[in-house]
Amino acid sequence: MSINAIFANLSCYNLETSSEWYRTLFDREPDVRPMKGLCEWHLGETAGFQLFENPDKAGRGTLTLIVSDLQQERKRLAHAGIDVGDIEEADYTVITRLSDPDGNLIVLARHKH
């Protein structure tokens, strides 16, 4: 298998409500809406995120995003009204946890230096 790119995918109950929350998370609008019920954010050349309206599977996923400055992102999101968890130490990373409107777990992480 030769993989050229990868897209993470989470399901939501209501695409319009959830896409607004992810617009705040990513600090921008989706890059494309390739079909009904789907929004995509392109995250660099080889990665992306898809938000799909699928009420039967909504709220059961986890998305981990590695960020450069965890403190800055945590402050930005809290200022935007998103409930962000405390910073936690893990073996190789420092993380904070938050939940999207559907209950999906979002983990922001920064590698320890």
PDB file of N, CA and C in Angstrom:
ATOM      1  N   MET A   1       0.850  -1.175   0.000  1.00  0.00           N
ATOM      2  CA  MET A   1       0.000   0.000   0.000  1.00  0.00           C
ATOM      3  C   MET A   1       0.893   1.235   0.000  1.00  0.00           C
ATOM      4  N   SER A   2       0.632   2.125  -0.906  1.00  0.00           N
ATOM      5  CA  SER A   2       1.336   3.403  -0.970  1.00  0.00           C
ATOM      6  C   SER A   2       0.350   4.503  -0.609  1.00  0.00           C
ATOM      7  N   ILE A   3       0.540   5.125   0.548  1.00  0.00           N
ATOM      8  CA  ILE A   3      -0.395   6.135   1.036  1.00  0.00           C
ATOM      9  C   ILE A   3       0.154   7.524   0.737  1.00  0.00           C
ATOM     10  N   ASN A   4      -0.665   8.343   0.110  1.00  0.00           N
ATOM     11  CA  ASN A   4      -0.262   9.702  -0.243  1.00  0.00           C
ATOM     12  C   ASN A   4      -0.790  10.754   0.719  1.00  0.00           C
ATOM     13  N   ALA A   5      -1.871  10.440   1.401  1.00  0.00           N
ATOM     14  CA  ALA A   5      -2.467  11.383   2.354  1.00  0.00           C
ATOM     15  C   ALA A   5      -3.387  10.607   3.280  1.00  0.00           C
ATOM     16  N   ILE A   6      -3.747  11.242   4.403  1.00  0.00           N
ATOM     17  CA  ILE A   6      -4.679  10.622   5.338  1.00  0.00           C
ATOM     18  C   ILE A   6      -5.644  11.687   5.861  1.00  0.00           C
ATOM     19  N   PHE A   7      -6.903  11.299   6.007  1.00  0.00           N
ATOM     20  CA  PHE A   7      -7.927  12.175   6.548  1.00  0.00           C
ATOM     21  C   PHE A   7      -8.546  11.505   7.764  1.00  0.00           C
ATOM     22  N   ALA A   8      -8.573  12.207   8.876  1.00  0.00           N
ATOM     23  CA  ALA A   8      -9.319  11.750  10.042  1.00  0.00           C
ATOM     24  C   ALA A   8     -10.778  12.103   9.804  1.00  0.00           C
ATOM     25  N   ASN A   9     -11.691  11.335  10.371  1.00  0.00           N
ATOM     26  CA  ASN A   9     -13.115  11.570  10.160  1.00  0.00           C
ATOM     27  C   ASN A   9     -13.853  11.391  11.482  1.00  0.00           C
ATOM     28  N   LEU A  10     -14.707  12.352  11.801  1.00  0.00           N
ATOM     29  CA  LEU A  10     -15.608  12.232  12.947  1.00  0.00           C
ATOM     30  C   LEU A  10     -17.030  12.452  12.471  1.00  0.00           C
ATOM     31  N   SER A  11     -17.955  11.779  13.124  1.00  0.00           N
ATOM     32  CA  SER A  11     -19.369  11.933  12.814  1.00  0.00           C
ATOM     33  C   SER A  11     -20.013  12.931  13.762  1.00  0.00           C
ATOM     34  N   CYS A  12     -21.040  13.601  13.253  1.00  0.00           N
ATOM     35  CA  CYS A  12     -21.768  14.582  14.062  1.00  0.00           C
ATOM     36  C   CYS A  12     -23.268  14.415  13.860  1.00  0.00           C
ATOM     37  N   TYR A  13     -24.040  14.988  14.774  1.00  0.00           N
ATOM     38  CA  TYR A  13     -25.500  14.964  14.669  1.00  0.00           C
ATOM     39  C   TYR A  13     -25.997  15.989  13.660  1.00  0.00           C
ATOM     40  N   ASN A  14     -25.458  17.208  13.725  1.00  0.00           N
ATOM     41  CA  ASN A  14     -25.902  18.302  12.866  1.00  0.00           C
ATOM     42  C   ASN A  14     -24.672  18.986  12.282  1.00  0.00           C
ATOM     43  N   LEU A  15     -24.505  18.884  10.974  1.00  0.00           N
ATOM     44  CA  LEU A  15     -23.296  19.393  10.331  1.00  0.00           C
ATOM     45  C   LEU A  15     -23.128  20.898  10.515  1.00  0.00           C
ATOM     46  N   GLU A  16     -24.189  21.661  10.405  1.00  0.00           N
ATOM     47  CA  GLU A  16     -24.053  23.118  10.518  1.00  0.00           C
ATOM     48  C   GLU A  16     -23.608  23.543  11.914  1.00  0.00           C
ATOM     49  N   THR A  17     -24.200  22.955  12.946  1.00  0.00           N
ATOM     50  CA  THR A  17     -23.807  23.270  14.318  1.00  0.00           C
ATOM     51  C   THR A  17     -22.372  22.844  14.591  1.00  0.00           C
ATOM     52  N   SER A  18     -22.047  21.626  14.228  1.00  0.00           N
ATOM     53  CA  SER A  18     -20.711  21.100  14.511  1.00  0.00           C
ATOM     54  C   SER A  18     -19.637  21.769  13.659  1.00  0.00           C
ATOM     55  N   SER A  19     -19.938  22.078  12.407  1.00  0.00           N
ATOM     56  CA  SER A  19     -18.922  22.718  11.557  1.00  0.00           C
ATOM     57  C   SER A  19     -18.571  24.104  12.088  1.00  0.00           C
ATOM     58  N   GLU A  20     -19.520  24.777  12.723  1.00  0.00           N
ATOM     59  CA  GLU A  20     -19.232  26.077  13.338  1.00  0.00           C
ATOM     60  C   GLU A  20     -18.243  25.909  14.489  1.00  0.00           C
ATOM     61  N   TRP A  21     -18.406  24.862  15.285  1.00  0.00           N
ATOM     62  CA  TRP A  21     -17.486  24.586  16.392  1.00  0.00           C
ATOM     63  C   TRP A  21     -16.089  24.285  15.846  1.00  0.00           C
ATOM     64  N   TYR A  22     -16.002  23.476  14.800  1.00  0.00           N
ATOM     65  CA  TYR A  22     -14.705  23.141  14.209  1.00  0.00           C
ATOM     66  C   TYR A  22     -14.091  24.341  13.487  1.00  0.00           C
ATOM     67  N   ARG A  23     -14.924  25.236  12.987  1.00  0.00           N
ATOM     68  CA  ARG A  23     -14.401  26.476  12.417  1.00  0.00           C
ATOM     69  C   ARG A  23     -13.633  27.235  13.498  1.00  0.00           C
ATOM     70  N   THR A  24     -14.159  27.250  14.710  1.00  0.00           N
ATOM     71  CA  THR A  24     -13.466  27.889  15.821  1.00  0.00           C
ATOM     72  C   THR A  24     -12.206  27.109  16.189  1.00  0.00           C
ATOM     73  N   LEU A  25     -12.294  25.793  16.239  1.00  0.00           N
ATOM     74  CA  LEU A  25     -11.130  24.974  16.575  1.00  0.00           C
ATOM     75  C   LEU A  25      -9.982  25.209  15.596  1.00  0.00           C
ATOM     76  N   PHE A  26     -10.275  25.135  14.300  1.00  0.00           N
ATOM     77  CA  PHE A  26      -9.237  25.283  13.277  1.00  0.00           C
ATOM     78  C   PHE A  26      -8.963  26.743  12.918  1.00  0.00           C
ATOM     79  N   ASP A  27      -9.775  27.656  13.446  1.00  0.00           N
ATOM     80  CA  ASP A  27      -9.629  29.095  13.214  1.00  0.00           C
ATOM     81  C   ASP A  27      -9.796  29.464  11.737  1.00  0.00           C
ATOM     82  N   ARG A  28     -10.692  28.726  11.055  1.00  0.00           N
ATOM     83  CA  ARG A  28     -10.999  29.032   9.654  1.00  0.00           C
ATOM     84  C   ARG A  28     -12.164  28.168   9.167  1.00  0.00           C
ATOM     85  N   GLU A  29     -12.724  28.579   8.078  1.00  0.00           N
ATOM     86  CA  GLU A  29     -13.825  27.846   7.457  1.00  0.00           C
ATOM     87  C   GLU A  29     -13.308  26.531   6.865  1.00  0.00           C
ATOM     88  N   PRO A  30     -14.210  25.572   6.603  1.00  0.00           N
ATOM     89  CA  PRO A  30     -13.781  24.361   5.912  1.00  0.00           C
ATOM     90  C   PRO A  30     -13.215  24.722   4.530  1.00  0.00           C
ATOM     91  N   ASP A  31     -12.283  23.922   4.058  1.00  0.00           N
ATOM     92  CA  ASP A  31     -11.717  24.158   2.731  1.00  0.00           C
ATOM     93  C   ASP A  31     -12.695  23.785   1.631  1.00  0.00           C
ATOM     94  N   VAL A  32     -13.414  22.689   1.815  1.00  0.00           N
ATOM     95  CA  VAL A  32     -14.389  22.240   0.815  1.00  0.00           C
ATOM     96  C   VAL A  32     -15.554  21.557   1.509  1.00  0.00           C
ATOM     97  N   ARG A  33     -16.652  21.500   0.777  1.00  0.00           N
ATOM     98  CA  ARG A  33     -17.822  20.711   1.157  1.00  0.00           C
ATOM     99  C   ARG A  33     -18.087  19.806  -0.046  1.00  0.00           C
ATOM    100  N   PRO A  34     -17.350  18.676  -0.120  1.00  0.00           N
ATOM    101  CA  PRO A  34     -17.342  17.880  -1.345  1.00  0.00           C
ATOM    102  C   PRO A  34     -18.646  17.145  -1.665  1.00  0.00           C
ATOM    103  N   MET A  35     -19.507  16.984  -0.682  1.00  0.00           N
ATOM    104  CA  MET A  35     -20.799  16.336  -0.908  1.00  0.00           C
ATOM    105  C   MET A  35     -21.736  16.716   0.238  1.00  0.00           C
ATOM    106  N   LYS A  36     -22.996  16.450   0.049  1.00  0.00           N
ATOM    107  CA  LYS A  36     -23.973  16.752   1.094  1.00  0.00           C
ATOM    108  C   LYS A  36     -23.600  16.016   2.377  1.00  0.00           C
ATOM    109  N   GLY A  37     -23.611  16.757   3.490  1.00  0.00           N
ATOM    110  CA  GLY A  37     -23.345  16.161   4.790  1.00  0.00           C
ATOM    111  C   GLY A  37     -21.879  16.040   5.155  1.00  0.00           C
ATOM    112  N   LEU A  38     -20.969  16.672   4.384  1.00  0.00           N
ATOM    113  CA  LEU A  38     -19.536  16.521   4.635  1.00  0.00           C
ATOM    114  C   LEU A  38     -18.805  17.843   4.488  1.00  0.00           C
ATOM    115  N   CYS A  39     -17.954  18.162   5.469  1.00  0.00           N
ATOM    116  CA  CYS A  39     -17.041  19.313   5.416  1.00  0.00           C
ATOM    117  C   CYS A  39     -15.623  18.769   5.548  1.00  0.00           C
ATOM    118  N   GLU A  40     -14.684  19.418   4.856  1.00  0.00           N
ATOM    119  CA  GLU A  40     -13.280  19.020   4.951  1.00  0.00           C
ATOM    120  C   GLU A  40     -12.391  20.219   5.227  1.00  0.00           C
ATOM    121  N   TRP A  41     -11.428  19.995   6.125  1.00  0.00           N
ATOM    122  CA  TRP A  41     -10.353  20.957   6.356  1.00  0.00           C
ATOM    123  C   TRP A  41      -9.073  20.280   5.889  1.00  0.00           C
ATOM    124  N   HIS A  42      -8.326  20.936   5.023  1.00  0.00           N
ATOM    125  CA  HIS A  42      -7.048  20.394   4.559  1.00  0.00           C
ATOM    126  C   HIS A  42      -5.958  20.929   5.479  1.00  0.00           C
ATOM    127  N   LEU A  43      -5.205  20.028   6.057  1.00  0.00           N
ATOM    128  CA  LEU A  43      -4.214  20.369   7.079  1.00  0.00           C
ATOM    129  C   LEU A  43      -2.825  20.009   6.552  1.00  0.00           C
ATOM    130  N   GLY A  44      -2.289  20.846   5.715  1.00  0.00           N
ATOM    131  CA  GLY A  44      -1.008  20.566   5.100  1.00  0.00           C
ATOM    132  C   GLY A  44      -1.177  19.759   3.830  1.00  0.00           C
ATOM    133  N   GLU A  45      -0.065  19.279   3.323  1.00  0.00           N
ATOM    134  CA  GLU A  45      -0.057  18.555   2.052  1.00  0.00           C
ATOM    135  C   GLU A  45      -0.616  17.132   2.152  1.00  0.00           C
ATOM    136  N   THR A  46      -0.499  16.512   3.323  1.00  0.00           N
ATOM    137  CA  THR A  46      -0.802  15.085   3.398  1.00  0.00           C
ATOM    138  C   THR A  46      -1.805  14.694   4.479  1.00  0.00           C
ATOM    139  N   ALA A  47      -2.475  15.668   5.068  1.00  0.00           N
ATOM    140  CA  ALA A  47      -3.427  15.344   6.135  1.00  0.00           C
ATOM    141  C   ALA A  47      -4.653  16.235   6.037  1.00  0.00           C
ATOM    142  N   GLY A  48      -5.726  15.750   6.601  1.00  0.00           N
ATOM    143  CA  GLY A  48      -6.940  16.537   6.619  1.00  0.00           C
ATOM    144  C   GLY A  48      -7.926  15.980   7.624  1.00  0.00           C
ATOM    145  N   PHE A  49      -9.035  16.684   7.759  1.00  0.00           N
ATOM    146  CA  PHE A  49     -10.085  16.301   8.688  1.00  0.00           C
ATOM    147  C   PHE A  49     -11.420  16.401   7.983  1.00  0.00           C
ATOM    148  N   GLN A  50     -12.230  15.365   8.138  1.00  0.00           N
ATOM    149  CA  GLN A  50     -13.572  15.336   7.581  1.00  0.00           C
ATOM    150  C   GLN A  50     -14.589  15.269   8.712  1.00  0.00           C
ATOM    151  N   LEU A  51     -15.601  16.108   8.615  1.00  0.00           N
ATOM    152  CA  LEU A  51     -16.721  16.107   9.556  1.00  0.00           C
ATOM    153  C   LEU A  51     -17.945  15.662   8.774  1.00  0.00           C
ATOM    154  N   PHE A  52     -18.524  14.543   9.193  1.00  0.00           N
ATOM    155  CA  PHE A  52     -19.614  13.922   8.445  1.00  0.00           C
ATOM    156  C   PHE A  52     -20.870  13.850   9.295  1.00  0.00           C
ATOM    157  N   GLU A  53     -21.982  14.286   8.735  1.00  0.00           N
ATOM    158  CA  GLU A  53     -23.260  14.210   9.447  1.00  0.00           C
ATOM    159  C   GLU A  53     -23.775  12.775   9.405  1.00  0.00           C
ATOM    160  N   ASN A  54     -23.690  12.112  10.556  1.00  0.00           N
ATOM    161  CA  ASN A  54     -24.119  10.725  10.691  1.00  0.00           C
ATOM    162  C   ASN A  54     -24.557  10.523  12.145  1.00  0.00           C
ATOM    163  N   PRO A  55     -25.798  10.868  12.460  1.00  0.00           N
ATOM    164  CA  PRO A  55     -26.271  10.824  13.847  1.00  0.00           C
ATOM    165  C   PRO A  55     -26.086   9.476  14.540  1.00  0.00           C
ATOM    166  N   ASP A  56     -26.148   8.382  13.803  1.00  0.00           N
ATOM    167  CA  ASP A  56     -26.012   7.063  14.421  1.00  0.00           C
ATOM    168  C   ASP A  56     -24.623   6.821  15.012  1.00  0.00           C
ATOM    169  N   LYS A  57     -23.595   7.506  14.503  1.00  0.00           N
ATOM    170  CA  LYS A  57     -22.225   7.305  14.980  1.00  0.00           C
ATOM    171  C   LYS A  57     -21.653   8.530  15.685  1.00  0.00           C
ATOM    172  N   ALA A  58     -22.430   9.586  15.787  1.00  0.00           N
ATOM    173  CA  ALA A  58     -21.947  10.842  16.380  1.00  0.00           C
ATOM    174  C   ALA A  58     -21.557  10.655  17.841  1.00  0.00           C
ATOM    175  N   GLY A  59     -20.471  11.323  18.226  1.00  0.00           N
ATOM    176  CA  GLY A  59     -20.061  11.351  19.617  1.00  0.00           C
ATOM    177  C   GLY A  59     -19.240  10.168  20.081  1.00  0.00           C
ATOM    178  N   ARG A  60     -18.786   9.321  19.171  1.00  0.00           N
ATOM    179  CA  ARG A  60     -18.060   8.111  19.561  1.00  0.00           C
ATOM    180  C   ARG A  60     -16.600   8.121  19.136  1.00  0.00           C
ATOM    181  N   GLY A  61     -16.087   9.265  18.659  1.00  0.00           N
ATOM    182  CA  GLY A  61     -14.737   9.288  18.124  1.00  0.00           C
ATOM    183  C   GLY A  61     -13.764  10.112  18.941  1.00  0.00           C
ATOM    184  N   THR A  62     -12.503   9.990  18.553  1.00  0.00           N
ATOM    185  CA  THR A  62     -11.426  10.759  19.152  1.00  0.00           C
ATOM    186  C   THR A  62     -10.546  11.307  18.042  1.00  0.00           C
ATOM    187  N   LEU A  63     -10.148  12.556  18.178  1.00  0.00           N
ATOM    188  CA  LEU A  63      -9.234  13.198  17.244  1.00  0.00           C
ATOM    189  C   LEU A  63      -8.096  13.796  18.059  1.00  0.00           C
ATOM    190  N   THR A  64      -6.864  13.450  17.716  1.00  0.00           N
ATOM    191  CA  THR A  64      -5.695  14.027  18.375  1.00  0.00           C
ATOM    192  C   THR A  64      -4.974  14.919  17.384  1.00  0.00           C
ATOM    193  N   LEU A  65      -4.714  16.156  17.803  1.00  0.00           N
ATOM    194  CA  LEU A  65      -4.009  17.132  16.975  1.00  0.00           C
ATOM    195  C   LEU A  65      -2.722  17.531  17.676  1.00  0.00           C
ATOM    196  N   ILE A  66      -1.607  17.392  16.999  1.00  0.00           N
ATOM    197  CA  ILE A  66      -0.319  17.811  17.546  1.00  0.00           C
ATOM    198  C   ILE A  66      -0.130  19.280  17.164  1.00  0.00           C
ATOM    199  N   VAL A  67       0.058  20.127  18.159  1.00  0.00           N
ATOM    200  CA  VAL A  67       0.186  21.571  17.933  1.00  0.00           C
ATOM    201  C   VAL A  67       1.565  22.062  18.378  1.00  0.00           C
ATOM    202  N   SER A  68       1.942  23.218  17.867  1.00  0.00           N
ATOM    203  CA  SER A  68       3.249  23.794  18.208  1.00  0.00           C
ATOM    204  C   SER A  68       3.252  24.429  19.591  1.00  0.00           C
ATOM    205  N   ASP A  69       2.165  25.139  19.924  1.00  0.00           N
ATOM    206  CA  ASP A  69       2.112  25.884  21.182  1.00  0.00           C
ATOM    207  C   ASP A  69       0.797  25.563  21.890  1.00  0.00           C
ATOM    208  N   LEU A  70       0.837  24.603  22.778  1.00  0.00           N
ATOM    209  CA  LEU A  70      -0.365  24.151  23.467  1.00  0.00           C
ATOM    210  C   LEU A  70      -0.981  25.252  24.319  1.00  0.00           C
ATOM    211  N   GLN A  71      -0.170  26.000  25.043  1.00  0.00           N
ATOM    212  CA  GLN A  71      -0.676  27.088  25.893  1.00  0.00           C
ATOM    213  C   GLN A  71      -1.424  28.122  25.059  1.00  0.00           C
ATOM    214  N   GLN A  72      -0.844  28.506  23.934  1.00  0.00           N
ATOM    215  CA  GLN A  72      -1.462  29.516  23.076  1.00  0.00           C
ATOM    216  C   GLN A  72      -2.797  29.020  22.522  1.00  0.00           C
ATOM    217  N   GLU A  73      -2.833  27.786  22.052  1.00  0.00           N
ATOM    218  CA  GLU A  73      -4.085  27.237  21.522  1.00  0.00           C
ATOM    219  C   GLU A  73      -5.142  27.114  22.608  1.00  0.00           C
ATOM    220  N   ARG A  74      -4.737  26.698  23.781  1.00  0.00           N
ATOM    221  CA  ARG A  74      -5.679  26.574  24.903  1.00  0.00           C
ATOM    222  C   ARG A  74      -6.293  27.933  25.240  1.00  0.00           C
ATOM    223  N   LYS A  75      -5.457  28.968  25.303  1.00  0.00           N
ATOM    224  CA  LYS A  75      -5.950  30.321  25.593  1.00  0.00           C
ATOM    225  C   LYS A  75      -6.872  30.829  24.490  1.00  0.00           C
ATOM    226  N   ARG A  76      -6.490  30.589  23.222  1.00  0.00           N
ATOM    227  CA  ARG A  76      -7.303  31.044  22.088  1.00  0.00           C
ATOM    228  C   ARG A  76      -8.678  30.399  22.122  1.00  0.00           C
ATOM    229  N   LEU A  77      -8.720  29.096  22.357  1.00  0.00           N
ATOM    230  CA  LEU A  77      -9.996  28.382  22.379  1.00  0.00           C
ATOM    231  C   LEU A  77     -10.852  28.792  23.571  1.00  0.00           C
ATOM    232  N   ALA A  78     -10.244  28.947  24.738  1.00  0.00           N
ATOM    233  CA  ALA A  78     -10.993  29.395  25.920  1.00  0.00           C
ATOM    234  C   ALA A  78     -11.574  30.786  25.680  1.00  0.00           C
ATOM    235  N   HIS A  79     -10.792  31.663  25.073  1.00  0.00           N
ATOM    236  CA  HIS A  79     -11.268  33.021  24.753  1.00  0.00           C
ATOM    237  C   HIS A  79     -12.439  32.970  23.772  1.00  0.00           C
ATOM    238  N   ALA A  80     -12.455  31.973  22.888  1.00  0.00           N
ATOM    239  CA  ALA A  80     -13.537  31.810  21.907  1.00  0.00           C
ATOM    240  C   ALA A  80     -14.761  31.117  22.500  1.00  0.00           C
ATOM    241  N   GLY A  81     -14.695  30.759  23.787  1.00  0.00           N
ATOM    242  CA  GLY A  81     -15.851  30.166  24.456  1.00  0.00           C
ATOM    243  C   GLY A  81     -15.884  28.650  24.474  1.00  0.00           C
ATOM    244  N   ILE A  82     -14.794  28.007  24.080  1.00  0.00           N
ATOM    245  CA  ILE A  82     -14.733  26.549  24.120  1.00  0.00           C
ATOM    246  C   ILE A  82     -14.168  26.116  25.466  1.00  0.00           C
ATOM    247  N   ASP A  83     -14.847  25.171  26.096  1.00  0.00           N
ATOM    248  CA  ASP A  83     -14.413  24.644  27.389  1.00  0.00           C
ATOM    249  C   ASP A  83     -13.220  23.726  27.171  1.00  0.00           C
ATOM    250  N   VAL A  84     -12.060  24.161  27.622  1.00  0.00           N
ATOM    251  CA  VAL A  84     -10.809  23.429  27.427  1.00  0.00           C
ATOM    252  C   VAL A  84     -10.354  22.876  28.767  1.00  0.00           C
ATOM    253  N   GLY A  85      -9.929  21.626  28.777  1.00  0.00           N
ATOM    254  CA  GLY A  85      -9.487  20.988  30.013  1.00  0.00           C
ATOM    255  C   GLY A  85      -8.135  21.498  30.492  1.00  0.00           C
ATOM    256  N   ASP A  86      -7.742  21.006  31.642  1.00  0.00           N
ATOM    257  CA  ASP A  86      -6.431  21.341  32.202  1.00  0.00           C
ATOM    258  C   ASP A  86      -5.334  20.724  31.353  1.00  0.00           C
ATOM    259  N   ILE A  87      -4.142  21.255  31.486  1.00  0.00           N
ATOM    260  CA  ILE A  87      -2.984  20.674  30.811  1.00  0.00           C
ATOM    261  C   ILE A  87      -2.512  19.483  31.628  1.00  0.00           C
ATOM    262  N   GLU A  88      -2.293  18.363  30.946  1.00  0.00           N
ATOM    263  CA  GLU A  88      -1.885  17.113  31.581  1.00  0.00           C
ATOM    264  C   GLU A  88      -0.535  16.674  31.015  1.00  0.00           C
ATOM    265  N   GLU A  89       0.276  16.108  31.883  1.00  0.00           N
ATOM    266  CA  GLU A  89       1.572  15.561  31.471  1.00  0.00           C
ATOM    267  C   GLU A  89       1.379  14.092  31.096  1.00  0.00           C
ATOM    268  N   ALA A  90       1.883  13.719  29.937  1.00  0.00           N
ATOM    269  CA  ALA A  90       1.920  12.317  29.525  1.00  0.00           C
ATOM    270  C   ALA A  90       3.390  11.935  29.334  1.00  0.00           C
ATOM    271  N   ASP A  91       3.650  10.703  28.948  1.00  0.00           N
ATOM    272  CA  ASP A  91       5.038  10.252  28.828  1.00  0.00           C
ATOM    273  C   ASP A  91       5.857  11.082  27.842  1.00  0.00           C
ATOM    274  N   TYR A  92       5.325  11.289  26.650  1.00  0.00           N
ATOM    275  CA  TYR A  92       6.078  11.974  25.599  1.00  0.00           C
ATOM    276  C   TYR A  92       5.455  13.290  25.164  1.00  0.00           C
ATOM    277  N   THR A  93       4.303  13.597  25.699  1.00  0.00           N
ATOM    278  CA  THR A  93       3.587  14.800  25.294  1.00  0.00           C
ATOM    279  C   THR A  93       2.979  15.502  26.492  1.00  0.00           C
ATOM    280  N   VAL A  94       2.519  16.703  26.237  1.00  0.00           N
ATOM    281  CA  VAL A  94       1.683  17.467  27.161  1.00  0.00           C
ATOM    282  C   VAL A  94       0.367  17.638  26.415  1.00  0.00           C
ATOM    283  N   ILE A  95      -0.769  17.383  27.079  1.00  0.00           N
ATOM    284  CA  ILE A  95      -2.052  17.394  26.384  1.00  0.00           C
ATOM    285  C   ILE A  95      -3.095  18.232  27.119  1.00  0.00           C
ATOM    286  N   THR A  96      -4.136  18.560  26.389  1.00  0.00           N
ATOM    287  CA  THR A  96      -5.366  19.090  26.965  1.00  0.00           C
ATOM    288  C   THR A  96      -6.511  18.437  26.209  1.00  0.00           C
ATOM    289  N   ARG A  97      -7.598  18.190  26.909  1.00  0.00           N
ATOM    290  CA  ARG A  97      -8.752  17.502  26.317  1.00  0.00           C
ATOM    291  C   ARG A  97      -9.940  18.455  26.250  1.00  0.00           C
ATOM    292  N   LEU A  98     -10.723  18.291  25.206  1.00  0.00           N
ATOM    293  CA  LEU A  98     -11.970  19.022  25.069  1.00  0.00           C
ATOM    294  C   LEU A  98     -12.955  18.150  24.309  1.00  0.00           C
ATOM    295  N   SER A  99     -14.207  18.518  24.334  1.00  0.00           N
ATOM    296  CA  SER A  99     -15.245  17.760  23.639  1.00  0.00           C
ATOM    297  C   SER A  99     -15.952  18.661  22.645  1.00  0.00           C
ATOM    298  N   ASP A 100     -16.266  18.095  21.481  1.00  0.00           N
ATOM    299  CA  ASP A 100     -17.042  18.847  20.498  1.00  0.00           C
ATOM    300  C   ASP A 100     -18.518  18.807  20.892  1.00  0.00           C
ATOM    301  N   PRO A 101     -19.397  19.483  20.168  1.00  0.00           N
ATOM    302  CA  PRO A 101     -20.818  19.523  20.555  1.00  0.00           C
ATOM    303  C   PRO A 101     -21.492  18.153  20.599  1.00  0.00           C
ATOM    304  N   ASP A 102     -20.911  17.156  19.918  1.00  0.00           N
ATOM    305  CA  ASP A 102     -21.507  15.828  19.870  1.00  0.00           C
ATOM    306  C   ASP A 102     -20.940  14.871  20.914  1.00  0.00           C
ATOM    307  N   GLY A 103     -19.896  15.309  21.631  1.00  0.00           N
ATOM    308  CA  GLY A 103     -19.274  14.467  22.626  1.00  0.00           C
ATOM    309  C   GLY A 103     -18.032  13.742  22.139  1.00  0.00           C
ATOM    310  N   ASN A 104     -17.605  13.987  20.898  1.00  0.00           N
ATOM    311  CA  ASN A 104     -16.341  13.428  20.439  1.00  0.00           C
ATOM    312  C   ASN A 104     -15.208  14.040  21.259  1.00  0.00           C
ATOM    313  N   LEU A 105     -14.216  13.234  21.586  1.00  0.00           N
ATOM    314  CA  LEU A 105     -13.063  13.707  22.344  1.00  0.00           C
ATOM    315  C   LEU A 105     -12.037  14.304  21.395  1.00  0.00           C
ATOM    316  N   ILE A 106     -11.595  15.520  21.694  1.00  0.00           N
ATOM    317  CA  ILE A 106     -10.545  16.183  20.934  1.00  0.00           C
ATOM    318  C   ILE A 106      -9.371  16.355  21.888  1.00  0.00           C
ATOM    319  N   VAL A 107      -8.198  15.881  21.485  1.00  0.00           N
ATOM    320  CA  VAL A 107      -7.006  16.000  22.297  1.00  0.00           C
ATOM    321  C   VAL A 107      -6.017  16.891  21.550  1.00  0.00           C
ATOM    322  N   LEU A 108      -5.597  17.956  22.184  1.00  0.00           N
ATOM    323  CA  LEU A 108      -4.516  18.782  21.651  1.00  0.00           C
ATOM    324  C   LEU A 108      -3.262  18.365  22.389  1.00  0.00           C
ATOM    325  N   ALA A 109      -2.189  18.122  21.647  1.00  0.00           N
ATOM    326  CA  ALA A 109      -0.956  17.639  22.249  1.00  0.00           C
ATOM    327  C   ALA A 109       0.243  18.392  21.701  1.00  0.00           C
ATOM    328  N   ARG A 110       1.261  18.496  22.541  1.00  0.00           N
ATOM    329  CA  ARG A 110       2.546  19.045  22.128  1.00  0.00           C
ATOM    330  C   ARG A 110       3.612  18.076  22.591  1.00  0.00           C
ATOM    331  N   HIS A 111       4.527  17.750  21.695  1.00  0.00           N
ATOM    332  CA  HIS A 111       5.628  16.862  22.063  1.00  0.00           C
ATOM    333  C   HIS A 111       6.511  17.550  23.096  1.00  0.00           C
ATOM    334  N   LYS A 112       6.964  16.783  24.064  1.00  0.00           N
ATOM    335  CA  LYS A 112       7.939  17.323  25.035  1.00  0.00           C
ATOM    336  C   LYS A 112       9.267  17.443  24.329  1.00  0.00           C
ATOM    337  N   HIS A 113      10.011  18.449  24.707  1.00  0.00           N
ATOM    338  CA  HIS A 113      11.324  18.671  24.072  1.00  0.00           C
ATOM    339  C   HIS A 113      12.407  17.956  24.812  1.00  0.00           C
TER     340      HIS A 113
END
